[in-house]
Full PDB file with SEQRES, HELIX, SHEET, SSBOND, CRYST1, ORIGX, SCALE, CONECT and MASTER records, all heavy atoms in Angstrom:
SEQRES   1 A   42  LEU ALA LYS ILE PHE ASP ARG ASP VAL THR GLU PHE THR          
SEQRES   2 A   42  PRO GLU LEU ARG PHE LYS GLU ASP LEU VAL THR SER SER          
SEQRES   3 A   42  MET GLN LYS LEU MET ILE VAL ALA VAL ILE GLU GLU LEU          
SEQRES   4 A   42  THR GLY GLN                                                  
HELIX    1 AA1 ALA A    2  PHE A    5  1                                   4    
HELIX    2 AA2 VAL A    9  GLU A   11  5                                   3    
HELIX    3 AA3 SER A   26  THR A   40  1                                  15    
CRYST1    1.000    1.000    1.000  90.00  90.00  90.00 P 1           1          
ORIGX1      1.000000  0.000000  0.000000        0.00000                         
ORIGX2      0.000000  1.000000  0.000000        0.00000                         
ORIGX3      0.000000  0.000000  1.000000        0.00000                         
SCALE1      1.000000  0.000000  0.000000        0.00000                         
SCALE2      0.000000  1.000000  0.000000        0.00000                         
SCALE3      0.000000  0.000000  1.000000        0.00000                         
ATOM      1  N   LEU A   1      -3.260  13.833 -15.566  1.00  0.00           N  
ATOM      2  CA  LEU A   1      -2.381  14.367 -16.606  1.00  0.00           C  
ATOM      3  C   LEU A   1      -2.596  15.864 -16.787  1.00  0.00           C  
ATOM      4  O   LEU A   1      -1.632  16.619 -16.943  1.00  0.00           O  
ATOM      5  CB  LEU A   1      -2.614  13.634 -17.930  1.00  0.00           C  
ATOM      6  CG  LEU A   1      -2.127  12.197 -18.024  1.00  0.00           C  
ATOM      7  CD1 LEU A   1      -2.543  11.588 -19.362  1.00  0.00           C  
ATOM      8  CD2 LEU A   1      -0.633  12.090 -17.825  1.00  0.00           C  
ATOM      9  N   ALA A   2      -3.844  16.282 -16.751  1.00  0.00           N  
ATOM     10  CA  ALA A   2      -4.149  17.707 -16.884  1.00  0.00           C  
ATOM     11  C   ALA A   2      -3.494  18.505 -15.765  1.00  0.00           C  
ATOM     12  O   ALA A   2      -2.950  19.596 -15.997  1.00  0.00           O  
ATOM     13  CB  ALA A   2      -5.666  17.926 -16.888  1.00  0.00           C  
ATOM     14  N   LYS A   3      -3.509  17.971 -14.552  1.00  0.00           N  
ATOM     15  CA  LYS A   3      -2.851  18.648 -13.423  1.00  0.00           C  
ATOM     16  C   LYS A   3      -1.339  18.693 -13.617  1.00  0.00           C  
ATOM     17  O   LYS A   3      -0.716  19.739 -13.408  1.00  0.00           O  
ATOM     18  CB  LYS A   3      -3.164  17.929 -12.108  1.00  0.00           C  
ATOM     19  CG  LYS A   3      -4.565  18.102 -11.607  1.00  0.00           C  
ATOM     20  CD  LYS A   3      -4.721  17.345 -10.298  1.00  0.00           C  
ATOM     21  CE  LYS A   3      -6.162  17.122  -9.932  1.00  0.00           C  
ATOM     22  NZ  LYS A   3      -6.292  16.265  -8.734  1.00  0.00           N  
ATOM     23  N   ILE A   4      -0.757  17.575 -13.995  1.00  0.00           N  
ATOM     24  CA  ILE A   4       0.695  17.493 -14.152  1.00  0.00           C  
ATOM     25  C   ILE A   4       1.193  18.472 -15.207  1.00  0.00           C  
ATOM     26  O   ILE A   4       2.216  19.131 -15.024  1.00  0.00           O  
ATOM     27  CB  ILE A   4       1.121  16.050 -14.508  1.00  0.00           C  
ATOM     28  CG1 ILE A   4       0.904  15.135 -13.298  1.00  0.00           C  
ATOM     29  CG2 ILE A   4       2.575  15.999 -14.982  1.00  0.00           C  
ATOM     30  CD1 ILE A   4       1.038  13.649 -13.598  1.00  0.00           C  
ATOM     31  N   PHE A   5       0.452  18.595 -16.307  1.00  0.00           N  
ATOM     32  CA  PHE A   5       0.890  19.448 -17.410  1.00  0.00           C  
ATOM     33  C   PHE A   5       0.241  20.830 -17.413  1.00  0.00           C  
ATOM     34  O   PHE A   5       0.491  21.624 -18.312  1.00  0.00           O  
ATOM     35  CB  PHE A   5       0.638  18.746 -18.749  1.00  0.00           C  
ATOM     36  CG  PHE A   5       1.532  17.558 -18.947  1.00  0.00           C  
ATOM     37  CD1 PHE A   5       1.076  16.273 -18.703  1.00  0.00           C  
ATOM     38  CD2 PHE A   5       2.840  17.718 -19.352  1.00  0.00           C  
ATOM     39  CE1 PHE A   5       1.890  15.176 -18.864  1.00  0.00           C  
ATOM     40  CE2 PHE A   5       3.678  16.632 -19.517  1.00  0.00           C  
ATOM     41  CZ  PHE A   5       3.201  15.352 -19.273  1.00  0.00           C  
ATOM     42  N   ASP A   6      -0.588  21.097 -16.412  1.00  0.00           N  
ATOM     43  CA  ASP A   6      -1.273  22.381 -16.291  1.00  0.00           C  
ATOM     44  C   ASP A   6      -2.004  22.748 -17.589  1.00  0.00           C  
ATOM     45  O   ASP A   6      -1.816  23.816 -18.158  1.00  0.00           O  
ATOM     46  CB  ASP A   6      -0.278  23.476 -15.907  1.00  0.00           C  
ATOM     47  CG  ASP A   6      -0.988  24.745 -15.425  1.00  0.00           C  
ATOM     48  OD1 ASP A   6      -2.111  24.626 -14.893  1.00  0.00           O  
ATOM     49  OD2 ASP A   6      -0.424  25.847 -15.594  1.00  0.00           O  
ATOM     50  N   ARG A   7      -2.828  21.809 -18.038  1.00  0.00           N  
ATOM     51  CA  ARG A   7      -3.618  21.980 -19.261  1.00  0.00           C  
ATOM     52  C   ARG A   7      -5.051  21.540 -19.000  1.00  0.00           C  
ATOM     53  O   ARG A   7      -5.337  20.860 -18.029  1.00  0.00           O  
ATOM     54  CB  ARG A   7      -3.049  21.132 -20.400  1.00  0.00           C  
ATOM     55  CG  ARG A   7      -1.693  21.585 -20.877  1.00  0.00           C  
ATOM     56  CD  ARG A   7      -1.237  20.687 -21.985  1.00  0.00           C  
ATOM     57  NE  ARG A   7       0.023  21.131 -22.528  1.00  0.00           N  
ATOM     58  CZ  ARG A   7       0.254  21.261 -23.821  1.00  0.00           C  
ATOM     59  NH1 ARG A   7      -0.670  20.971 -24.698  1.00  0.00           N  
ATOM     60  NH2 ARG A   7       1.422  21.659 -24.250  1.00  0.00           N  
ATOM     61  N   ASP A   8      -5.917  21.892 -19.906  1.00  0.00           N  
ATOM     62  CA  ASP A   8      -7.307  21.457 -19.812  1.00  0.00           C  
ATOM     63  C   ASP A   8      -7.397  19.987 -20.190  1.00  0.00           C  
ATOM     64  O   ASP A   8      -6.723  19.534 -21.129  1.00  0.00           O  
ATOM     65  CB  ASP A   8      -8.185  22.299 -20.743  1.00  0.00           C  
ATOM     66  CG  ASP A   8      -9.649  22.040 -20.500  1.00  0.00           C  
ATOM     67  OD1 ASP A   8     -10.224  22.684 -19.606  1.00  0.00           O  
ATOM     68  OD2 ASP A   8     -10.201  21.154 -21.188  1.00  0.00           O  
ATOM     69  N   VAL A   9      -8.221  19.258 -19.477  1.00  0.00           N  
ATOM     70  CA  VAL A   9      -8.347  17.819 -19.708  1.00  0.00           C  
ATOM     71  C   VAL A   9      -8.792  17.507 -21.137  1.00  0.00           C  
ATOM     72  O   VAL A   9      -8.438  16.461 -21.688  1.00  0.00           O  
ATOM     73  CB  VAL A   9      -9.283  17.186 -18.652  1.00  0.00           C  
ATOM     74  CG1 VAL A   9     -10.723  17.579 -18.894  1.00  0.00           C  
ATOM     75  CG2 VAL A   9      -9.129  15.688 -18.611  1.00  0.00           C  
ATOM     76  N   THR A  10      -9.505  18.410 -21.785  1.00  0.00           N  
ATOM     77  CA  THR A  10      -9.980  18.175 -23.151  1.00  0.00           C  
ATOM     78  C   THR A  10      -8.851  18.170 -24.174  1.00  0.00           C  
ATOM     79  O   THR A  10      -9.036  17.719 -25.297  1.00  0.00           O  
ATOM     80  CB  THR A  10     -11.029  19.230 -23.562  1.00  0.00           C  
ATOM     81  OG1 THR A  10     -10.423  20.525 -23.487  1.00  0.00           O  
ATOM     82  CG2 THR A  10     -12.246  19.166 -22.659  1.00  0.00           C  
ATOM     83  N   GLU A  11      -7.667  18.649 -23.795  1.00  0.00           N  
ATOM     84  CA  GLU A  11      -6.523  18.658 -24.708  1.00  0.00           C  
ATOM     85  C   GLU A  11      -5.876  17.283 -24.847  1.00  0.00           C  
ATOM     86  O   GLU A  11      -5.082  17.059 -25.755  1.00  0.00           O  
ATOM     87  CB  GLU A  11      -5.467  19.656 -24.224  1.00  0.00           C  
ATOM     88  CG  GLU A  11      -5.922  21.101 -24.256  1.00  0.00           C  
ATOM     89  CD  GLU A  11      -4.841  22.036 -23.767  1.00  0.00           C  
ATOM     90  OE1 GLU A  11      -3.687  21.920 -24.236  1.00  0.00           O  
ATOM     91  OE2 GLU A  11      -5.144  22.874 -22.913  1.00  0.00           O  
ATOM     92  N   PHE A  12      -6.215  16.358 -23.958  1.00  0.00           N  
ATOM     93  CA  PHE A  12      -5.553  15.054 -23.934  1.00  0.00           C  
ATOM     94  C   PHE A  12      -6.299  14.052 -24.807  1.00  0.00           C  
ATOM     95  O   PHE A  12      -7.169  13.333 -24.351  1.00  0.00           O  
ATOM     96  CB  PHE A  12      -5.397  14.566 -22.492  1.00  0.00           C  
ATOM     97  CG  PHE A  12      -4.396  15.384 -21.741  1.00  0.00           C  
ATOM     98  CD1 PHE A  12      -4.796  16.520 -21.056  1.00  0.00           C  
ATOM     99  CD2 PHE A  12      -3.059  15.065 -21.778  1.00  0.00           C  
ATOM    100  CE1 PHE A  12      -3.877  17.302 -20.395  1.00  0.00           C  
ATOM    101  CE2 PHE A  12      -2.127  15.848 -21.123  1.00  0.00           C  
ATOM    102  CZ  PHE A  12      -2.542  16.964 -20.425  1.00  0.00           C  
ATOM    103  N   THR A  13      -5.917  14.030 -26.077  1.00  0.00           N  
ATOM    104  CA  THR A  13      -6.470  13.085 -27.044  1.00  0.00           C  
ATOM    105  C   THR A  13      -5.551  11.874 -27.118  1.00  0.00           C  
ATOM    106  O   THR A  13      -4.378  11.959 -26.741  1.00  0.00           O  
ATOM    107  CB  THR A  13      -6.569  13.730 -28.430  1.00  0.00           C  
ATOM    108  OG1 THR A  13      -5.237  14.040 -28.881  1.00  0.00           O  
ATOM    109  CG2 THR A  13      -7.426  14.995 -28.403  1.00  0.00           C  
ATOM    110  N   PRO A  14      -6.043  10.747 -27.619  1.00  0.00           N  
ATOM    111  CA  PRO A  14      -5.190   9.556 -27.722  1.00  0.00           C  
ATOM    112  C   PRO A  14      -3.936   9.774 -28.577  1.00  0.00           C  
ATOM    113  O   PRO A  14      -2.914   9.141 -28.354  1.00  0.00           O  
ATOM    114  CB  PRO A  14      -6.110   8.513 -28.356  1.00  0.00           C  
ATOM    115  CG  PRO A  14      -7.481   8.939 -27.960  1.00  0.00           C  
ATOM    116  CD  PRO A  14      -7.432  10.446 -27.955  1.00  0.00           C  
ATOM    117  N   GLU A  15      -3.995  10.677 -29.532  1.00  0.00           N  
ATOM    118  CA  GLU A  15      -2.872  10.916 -30.436  1.00  0.00           C  
ATOM    119  C   GLU A  15      -1.831  11.873 -29.864  1.00  0.00           C  
ATOM    120  O   GLU A  15      -0.748  12.018 -30.435  1.00  0.00           O  
ATOM    121  CB  GLU A  15      -3.369  11.496 -31.772  1.00  0.00           C  
ATOM    122  CG  GLU A  15      -4.319  10.595 -32.516  1.00  0.00           C  
ATOM    123  CD  GLU A  15      -5.757  10.688 -31.991  1.00  0.00           C  
ATOM    124  OE1 GLU A  15      -6.127  11.706 -31.378  1.00  0.00           O  
ATOM    125  OE2 GLU A  15      -6.498   9.709 -32.166  1.00  0.00           O  
ATOM    126  N   LEU A  16      -2.127  12.531 -28.768  1.00  0.00           N  
ATOM    127  CA  LEU A  16      -1.209  13.516 -28.181  1.00  0.00           C  
ATOM    128  C   LEU A  16       0.081  12.817 -27.770  1.00  0.00           C  
ATOM    129  O   LEU A  16       0.076  11.831 -27.041  1.00  0.00           O  
ATOM    130  CB  LEU A  16      -1.864  14.180 -26.965  1.00  0.00           C  
ATOM    131  CG  LEU A  16      -1.153  15.403 -26.402  1.00  0.00           C  
ATOM    132  CD1 LEU A  16      -1.213  16.569 -27.374  1.00  0.00           C  
ATOM    133  CD2 LEU A  16      -1.773  15.802 -25.072  1.00  0.00           C  
ATOM    134  N   ARG A  17       1.219  13.346 -28.253  1.00  0.00           N  
ATOM    135  CA  ARG A  17       2.528  12.728 -28.012  1.00  0.00           C  
ATOM    136  C   ARG A  17       3.219  13.406 -26.837  1.00  0.00           C  
ATOM    137  O   ARG A  17       3.241  14.624 -26.737  1.00  0.00           O  
ATOM    138  CB  ARG A  17       3.387  12.799 -29.265  1.00  0.00           C  
ATOM    139  CG  ARG A  17       2.734  12.061 -30.444  1.00  0.00           C  
ATOM    140  CD  ARG A  17       3.592  12.042 -31.673  1.00  0.00           C  
ATOM    141  NE  ARG A  17       4.806  11.260 -31.504  1.00  0.00           N  
ATOM    142  CZ  ARG A  17       4.878   9.930 -31.529  1.00  0.00           C  
ATOM    143  NH1 ARG A  17       3.787   9.213 -31.708  1.00  0.00           N  
ATOM    144  NH2 ARG A  17       6.018   9.311 -31.393  1.00  0.00           N  
ATOM    145  N   PHE A  18       3.789  12.583 -25.955  1.00  0.00           N  
ATOM    146  CA  PHE A  18       4.444  13.124 -24.765  1.00  0.00           C  
ATOM    147  C   PHE A  18       5.669  13.958 -25.110  1.00  0.00           C  
ATOM    148  O   PHE A  18       5.827  15.069 -24.609  1.00  0.00           O  
ATOM    149  CB  PHE A  18       4.846  11.993 -23.805  1.00  0.00           C  
ATOM    150  CG  PHE A  18       3.668  11.391 -23.098  1.00  0.00           C  
ATOM    151  CD1 PHE A  18       3.215  10.128 -23.435  1.00  0.00           C  
ATOM    152  CD2 PHE A  18       2.996  12.087 -22.110  1.00  0.00           C  
ATOM    153  CE1 PHE A  18       2.123   9.572 -22.795  1.00  0.00           C  
ATOM    154  CE2 PHE A  18       1.896  11.545 -21.471  1.00  0.00           C  
ATOM    155  CZ  PHE A  18       1.466  10.281 -21.816  1.00  0.00           C  
ATOM    156  N   LYS A  19       6.544  13.447 -25.951  1.00  0.00           N  
ATOM    157  CA  LYS A  19       7.789  14.143 -26.251  1.00  0.00           C  
ATOM    158  C   LYS A  19       7.566  15.360 -27.147  1.00  0.00           C  
ATOM    159  O   LYS A  19       8.016  16.461 -26.829  1.00  0.00           O  
ATOM    160  CB  LYS A  19       8.778  13.181 -26.910  1.00  0.00           C  
ATOM    161  CG  LYS A  19      10.120  13.790 -27.192  1.00  0.00           C  
ATOM    162  CD  LYS A  19      11.079  12.776 -27.777  1.00  0.00           C  
ATOM    163  CE  LYS A  19      12.421  13.402 -28.075  1.00  0.00           C  
ATOM    164  NZ  LYS A  19      13.344  12.444 -28.677  1.00  0.00           N  
ATOM    165  N   GLU A  20       6.877  15.161 -28.250  1.00  0.00           N  
ATOM    166  CA  GLU A  20       6.754  16.227 -29.242  1.00  0.00           C  
ATOM    167  C   GLU A  20       5.702  17.278 -28.876  1.00  0.00           C  
ATOM    168  O   GLU A  20       5.928  18.472 -29.074  1.00  0.00           O  
ATOM    169  CB  GLU A  20       6.408  15.635 -30.614  1.00  0.00           C  
ATOM    170  CG  GLU A  20       7.501  14.770 -31.213  1.00  0.00           C  
ATOM    171  CD  GLU A  20       7.492  13.333 -30.728  1.00  0.00           C  
ATOM    172  OE1 GLU A  20       6.692  12.989 -29.824  1.00  0.00           O  
ATOM    173  OE2 GLU A  20       8.295  12.531 -31.251  1.00  0.00           O  
ATOM    174  N   ASP A  21       4.560  16.854 -28.352  1.00  0.00           N  
ATOM    175  CA  ASP A  21       3.461  17.785 -28.096  1.00  0.00           C  
ATOM    176  C   ASP A  21       3.494  18.372 -26.686  1.00  0.00           C  
ATOM    177  O   ASP A  21       3.189  19.545 -26.490  1.00  0.00           O  
ATOM    178  CB  ASP A  21       2.111  17.100 -28.326  1.00  0.00           C  
ATOM    179  CG  ASP A  21       1.962  16.592 -29.755  1.00  0.00           C  
ATOM    180  OD1 ASP A  21       2.494  17.235 -30.679  1.00  0.00           O  
ATOM    181  OD2 ASP A  21       1.328  15.537 -29.947  1.00  0.00           O  
ATOM    182  N   LEU A  22       3.847  17.548 -25.715  1.00  0.00           N  
ATOM    183  CA  LEU A  22       3.828  18.004 -24.322  1.00  0.00           C  
ATOM    184  C   LEU A  22       5.207  18.394 -23.798  1.00  0.00           C  
ATOM    185  O   LEU A  22       5.312  19.015 -22.753  1.00  0.00           O  
ATOM    186  CB  LEU A  22       3.233  16.921 -23.421  1.00  0.00           C  
ATOM    187  CG  LEU A  22       1.759  16.624 -23.650  1.00  0.00           C  
ATOM    188  CD1 LEU A  22       1.340  15.384 -22.877  1.00  0.00           C  
ATOM    189  CD2 LEU A  22       0.907  17.819 -23.245  1.00  0.00           C  
ATOM    190  N   VAL A  23       6.263  18.030 -24.537  1.00  0.00           N  
ATOM    191  CA  VAL A  23       7.641  18.286 -24.120  1.00  0.00           C  
ATOM    192  C   VAL A  23       7.815  17.862 -22.656  1.00  0.00           C  
ATOM    193  O   VAL A  23       8.125  18.653 -21.775  1.00  0.00           O  
ATOM    194  CB  VAL A  23       8.048  19.759 -24.353  1.00  0.00           C  
ATOM    195  CG1 VAL A  23       9.548  19.924 -24.182  1.00  0.00           C  
ATOM    196  CG2 VAL A  23       7.595  20.261 -25.714  1.00  0.00           C  
ATOM    197  N   THR A  24       7.573  16.587 -22.417  1.00  0.00           N  
ATOM    198  CA  THR A  24       7.538  16.026 -21.076  1.00  0.00           C  
ATOM    199  C   THR A  24       8.922  15.987 -20.439  1.00  0.00           C  
ATOM    200  O   THR A  24       9.870  15.490 -21.035  1.00  0.00           O  
ATOM    201  CB  THR A  24       6.967  14.597 -21.127  1.00  0.00           C  
ATOM    202  OG1 THR A  24       5.728  14.636 -21.832  1.00  0.00           O  
ATOM    203  CG2 THR A  24       6.748  14.037 -19.745  1.00  0.00           C  
ATOM    204  N   SER A  25       9.015  16.484 -19.219  1.00  0.00           N  
ATOM    205  CA  SER A  25      10.276  16.433 -18.467  1.00  0.00           C  
ATOM    206  C   SER A  25      10.368  15.113 -17.703  1.00  0.00           C  
ATOM    207  O   SER A  25       9.375  14.399 -17.525  1.00  0.00           O  
ATOM    208  CB  SER A  25      10.346  17.594 -17.481  1.00  0.00           C  
ATOM    209  OG  SER A  25       9.414  17.401 -16.424  1.00  0.00           O  
ATOM    210  N   SER A  26      11.553  14.808 -17.224  1.00  0.00           N  
ATOM    211  CA  SER A  26      11.750  13.602 -16.418  1.00  0.00           C  
ATOM    212  C   SER A  26      10.897  13.654 -15.153  1.00  0.00           C  
ATOM    213  O   SER A  26      10.336  12.636 -14.736  1.00  0.00           O  
ATOM    214  CB  SER A  26      13.220  13.447 -16.044  1.00  0.00           C  
ATOM    215  OG  SER A  26      13.987  13.203 -17.194  1.00  0.00           O  
ATOM    216  N   MET A  27      10.792  14.813 -14.555  1.00  0.00           N  
ATOM    217  CA  MET A  27       9.996  14.957 -13.341  1.00  0.00           C  
ATOM    218  C   MET A  27       8.517  14.672 -13.630  1.00  0.00           C  
ATOM    219  O   MET A  27       7.841  14.006 -12.842  1.00  0.00           O  
ATOM    220  CB  MET A  27      10.155  16.357 -12.744  1.00  0.00           C  
ATOM    221  CG  MET A  27       9.394  16.537 -11.444  1.00  0.00           C  
ATOM    222  SD  MET A  27       9.843  15.360 -10.151  1.00  0.00           S  
ATOM    223  CE  MET A  27      11.437  15.964  -9.698  1.00  0.00           C  
ATOM    224  N   GLN A  28       8.020  15.158 -14.752  1.00  0.00           N  
ATOM    225  CA  GLN A  28       6.628  14.892 -15.108  1.00  0.00           C  
ATOM    226  C   GLN A  28       6.403  13.398 -15.342  1.00  0.00           C  
ATOM    227  O   GLN A  28       5.379  12.859 -14.949  1.00  0.00           O  
ATOM    228  CB  GLN A  28       6.226  15.707 -16.341  1.00  0.00           C  
ATOM    229  CG  GLN A  28       6.077  17.176 -16.030  1.00  0.00           C  
ATOM    230  CD  GLN A  28       5.977  18.025 -17.274  1.00  0.00           C  
ATOM    231  OE1 GLN A  28       6.695  17.804 -18.245  1.00  0.00           O  
ATOM    232  NE2 GLN A  28       5.091  19.015 -17.232  1.00  0.00           N  
ATOM    233  N   LYS A  29       7.376  12.720 -15.950  1.00  0.00           N  
ATOM    234  CA  LYS A  29       7.249  11.276 -16.160  1.00  0.00           C  
ATOM    235  C   LYS A  29       7.219  10.541 -14.825  1.00  0.00           C  
ATOM    236  O   LYS A  29       6.446   9.600 -14.647  1.00  0.00           O  
ATOM    237  CB  LYS A  29       8.384  10.757 -17.032  1.00  0.00           C  
ATOM    238  CG  LYS A  29       8.239  11.169 -18.483  1.00  0.00           C  
ATOM    239  CD  LYS A  29       9.368  10.643 -19.327  1.00  0.00           C  
ATOM    240  CE  LYS A  29       9.216  11.163 -20.749  1.00  0.00           C  
ATOM    241  NZ  LYS A  29      10.332  10.751 -21.592  1.00  0.00           N  
ATOM    242  N   LEU A  30       8.038  10.983 -13.877  1.00  0.00           N  
ATOM    243  CA  LEU A  30       8.016  10.371 -12.548  1.00  0.00           C  
ATOM    244  C   LEU A  30       6.676  10.605 -11.862  1.00  0.00           C  
ATOM    245  O   LEU A  30       6.160   9.723 -11.163  1.00  0.00           O  
ATOM    246  CB  LEU A  30       9.156  10.919 -11.693  1.00  0.00           C  
ATOM    247  CG  LEU A  30      10.548  10.446 -12.095  1.00  0.00           C  
ATOM    248  CD1 LEU A  30      11.605  11.196 -11.294  1.00  0.00           C  
ATOM    249  CD2 LEU A  30      10.688   8.950 -11.915  1.00  0.00           C  
ATOM    250  N   MET A  31       6.086  11.770 -12.075  1.00  0.00           N  
ATOM    251  CA  MET A  31       4.769  12.061 -11.508  1.00  0.00           C  
ATOM    252  C   MET A  31       3.714  11.149 -12.129  1.00  0.00           C  
ATOM    253  O   MET A  31       2.819  10.664 -11.432  1.00  0.00           O  
ATOM    254  CB  MET A  31       4.421  13.536 -11.711  1.00  0.00           C  
ATOM    255  CG  MET A  31       5.312  14.477 -10.913  1.00  0.00           C  
ATOM    256  SD  MET A  31       5.150  16.216 -11.391  1.00  0.00           S  
ATOM    257  CE  MET A  31       3.541  16.583 -10.708  1.00  0.00           C  
ATOM    258  N   ILE A  32       3.826  10.892 -13.421  1.00  0.00           N  
ATOM    259  CA  ILE A  32       2.889   9.988 -14.098  1.00  0.00           C  
ATOM    260  C   ILE A  32       3.043   8.575 -13.541  1.00  0.00           C  
ATOM    261  O   ILE A  32       2.048   7.886 -13.299  1.00  0.00           O  
ATOM    262  CB  ILE A  32       3.099  10.024 -15.632  1.00  0.00           C  
ATOM    263  CG1 ILE A  32       2.733  11.410 -16.177  1.00  0.00           C  
ATOM    264  CG2 ILE A  32       2.266   8.940 -16.314  1.00  0.00           C  
ATOM    265  CD1 ILE A  32       3.162  11.629 -17.618  1.00  0.00           C  
ATOM    266  N   VAL A  33       4.286   8.141 -13.315  1.00  0.00           N  
ATOM    267  CA  VAL A  33       4.525   6.821 -12.717  1.00  0.00           C  
ATOM    268  C   VAL A  33       3.817   6.730 -11.369  1.00  0.00           C  
ATOM    269  O   VAL A  33       3.150   5.735 -11.067  1.00  0.00           O  
ATOM    270  CB  VAL A  33       6.042   6.549 -12.571  1.00  0.00           C  
ATOM    271  CG1 VAL A  33       6.308   5.364 -11.655  1.00  0.00           C  
ATOM    272  CG2 VAL A  33       6.673   6.315 -13.938  1.00  0.00           C  
ATOM    273  N   ALA A  34       3.949   7.768 -10.556  1.00  0.00           N  
ATOM    274  CA  ALA A  34       3.302   7.775  -9.240  1.00  0.00           C  
ATOM    275  C   ALA A  34       1.785   7.677  -9.363  1.00  0.00           C  
ATOM    276  O   ALA A  34       1.134   6.953  -8.598  1.00  0.00           O  
ATOM    277  CB  ALA A  34       3.695   9.034  -8.464  1.00  0.00           C  
ATOM    278  N   VAL A  35       1.209   8.378 -10.333  1.00  0.00           N  
ATOM    279  CA  VAL A  35      -0.238   8.327 -10.557  1.00  0.00           C  
ATOM    280  C   VAL A  35      -0.662   6.918 -10.963  1.00  0.00           C  
ATOM    281  O   VAL A  35      -1.642   6.379 -10.450  1.00  0.00           O  
ATOM    282  CB  VAL A  35      -0.662   9.360 -11.637  1.00  0.00           C  
ATOM    283  CG1 VAL A  35      -2.071   9.083 -12.144  1.00  0.00           C  
ATOM    284  CG2 VAL A  35      -0.543  10.775 -11.100  1.00  0.00           C  
ATOM    285  N   ILE A  36       0.098   6.316 -11.883  1.00  0.00           N  
ATOM    286  CA  ILE A  36      -0.236   4.961 -12.344  1.00  0.00           C  
ATOM    287  C   ILE A  36      -0.203   3.992 -11.171  1.00  0.00           C  
ATOM    288  O   ILE A  36      -1.116   3.175 -11.003  1.00  0.00           O  
ATOM    289  CB  ILE A  36       0.740   4.515 -13.455  1.00  0.00           C  
ATOM    290  CG1 ILE A  36       0.554   5.372 -14.706  1.00  0.00           C  
ATOM    291  CG2 ILE A  36       0.539   3.032 -13.787  1.00  0.00           C  
ATOM    292  CD1 ILE A  36       1.663   5.215 -15.718  1.00  0.00           C  
ATOM    293  N   GLU A  37       0.847   4.085 -10.365  1.00  0.00           N  
ATOM    294  CA  GLU A  37       0.963   3.184  -9.216  1.00  0.00           C  
ATOM    295  C   GLU A  37      -0.189   3.377  -8.239  1.00  0.00           C  
ATOM    296  O   GLU A  37      -0.748   2.416  -7.723  1.00  0.00           O  
ATOM    297  CB  GLU A  37       2.307   3.387  -8.517  1.00  0.00           C  
ATOM    298  CG  GLU A  37       3.474   2.857  -9.329  1.00  0.00           C  
ATOM    299  CD  GLU A  37       4.809   3.019  -8.646  1.00  0.00           C  
ATOM    300  OE1 GLU A  37       4.922   3.811  -7.683  1.00  0.00           O  
ATOM    301  OE2 GLU A  37       5.762   2.346  -9.072  1.00  0.00           O  
ATOM    302  N   GLU A  38      -0.549   4.630  -7.997  1.00  0.00           N  
ATOM    303  CA  GLU A  38      -1.646   4.918  -7.058  1.00  0.00           C  
ATOM    304  C   GLU A  38      -2.985   4.386  -7.577  1.00  0.00           C  
ATOM    305  O   GLU A  38      -3.762   3.805  -6.830  1.00  0.00           O  
ATOM    306  CB  GLU A  38      -1.738   6.416  -6.811  1.00  0.00           C  
ATOM    307  CG  GLU A  38      -2.825   6.798  -5.840  1.00  0.00           C  
ATOM    308  CD  GLU A  38      -2.904   8.299  -5.615  1.00  0.00           C  
ATOM    309  OE1 GLU A  38      -1.867   8.972  -5.628  1.00  0.00           O  
ATOM    310  OE2 GLU A  38      -4.031   8.787  -5.438  1.00  0.00           O  
ATOM    311  N   LEU A  39      -3.251   4.583  -8.849  1.00  0.00           N  
ATOM    312  CA  LEU A  39      -4.550   4.210  -9.400  1.00  0.00           C  
ATOM    313  C   LEU A  39      -4.694   2.712  -9.676  1.00  0.00           C  
ATOM    314  O   LEU A  39      -5.808   2.188  -9.643  1.00  0.00           O  
ATOM    315  CB  LEU A  39      -4.830   5.001 -10.683  1.00  0.00           C  
ATOM    316  CG  LEU A  39      -5.028   6.508 -10.517  1.00  0.00           C  
ATOM    317  CD1 LEU A  39      -5.212   7.169 -11.876  1.00  0.00           C  
ATOM    318  CD2 LEU A  39      -6.206   6.811  -9.608  1.00  0.00           C  
ATOM    319  N   THR A  40      -3.569   2.039  -9.974  1.00  0.00           N  
ATOM    320  CA  THR A  40      -3.657   0.618 -10.330  1.00  0.00           C  
ATOM    321  C   THR A  40      -3.218  -0.317  -9.209  1.00  0.00           C  
ATOM    322  O   THR A  40      -3.524  -1.512  -9.257  1.00  0.00           O  
ATOM    323  CB  THR A  40      -2.788   0.299 -11.563  1.00  0.00           C  
ATOM    324  OG1 THR A  40      -1.403   0.487 -11.234  1.00  0.00           O  
ATOM    325  CG2 THR A  40      -3.187   1.137 -12.758  1.00  0.00           C  
ATOM    326  N   GLY A  41      -2.477   0.210  -8.250  1.00  0.00           N  
ATOM    327  CA  GLY A  41      -1.942  -0.649  -7.200  1.00  0.00           C  
ATOM    328  C   GLY A  41      -0.781  -1.502  -7.687  1.00  0.00           C  
ATOM    329  O   GLY A  41      -0.332  -2.407  -6.995  1.00  0.00           O  
ATOM    330  N   GLN A  42      -0.272  -1.219  -8.880  1.00  0.00           N  
ATOM    331  CA  GLN A  42       0.845  -1.957  -9.480  1.00  0.00           C  
ATOM    332  C   GLN A  42       2.110  -1.105  -9.415  1.00  0.00           C  
ATOM    333  O   GLN A  42       2.065   0.100  -9.627  1.00  0.00           O  
ATOM    334  CB  GLN A  42       0.557  -2.252 -10.953  1.00  0.00           C  
ATOM    335  CG  GLN A  42      -0.670  -3.053 -11.201  1.00  0.00           C  
ATOM    336  CD  GLN A  42      -0.386  -4.539 -11.145  1.00  0.00           C  
ATOM    337  OE1 GLN A  42       0.746  -4.972 -11.234  1.00  0.00           O  
ATOM    338  NE2 GLN A  42      -1.441  -5.314 -10.984  1.00  0.00           N  
TER     339      GLN A  42                                                      
MASTER        0    0    0    3    0    0    0    6  338    1    0    4          
END                                                                             
């Protein structure tokens, strides 16, 4: 997540909101999907 959003890993708290705090783009969400699939095999 830190790589995808170009932020320090310490900024990622459980309360951090994707839409409001990170202003997540569709491309970033697709990148997160790819990470989840790679790490979980699902």
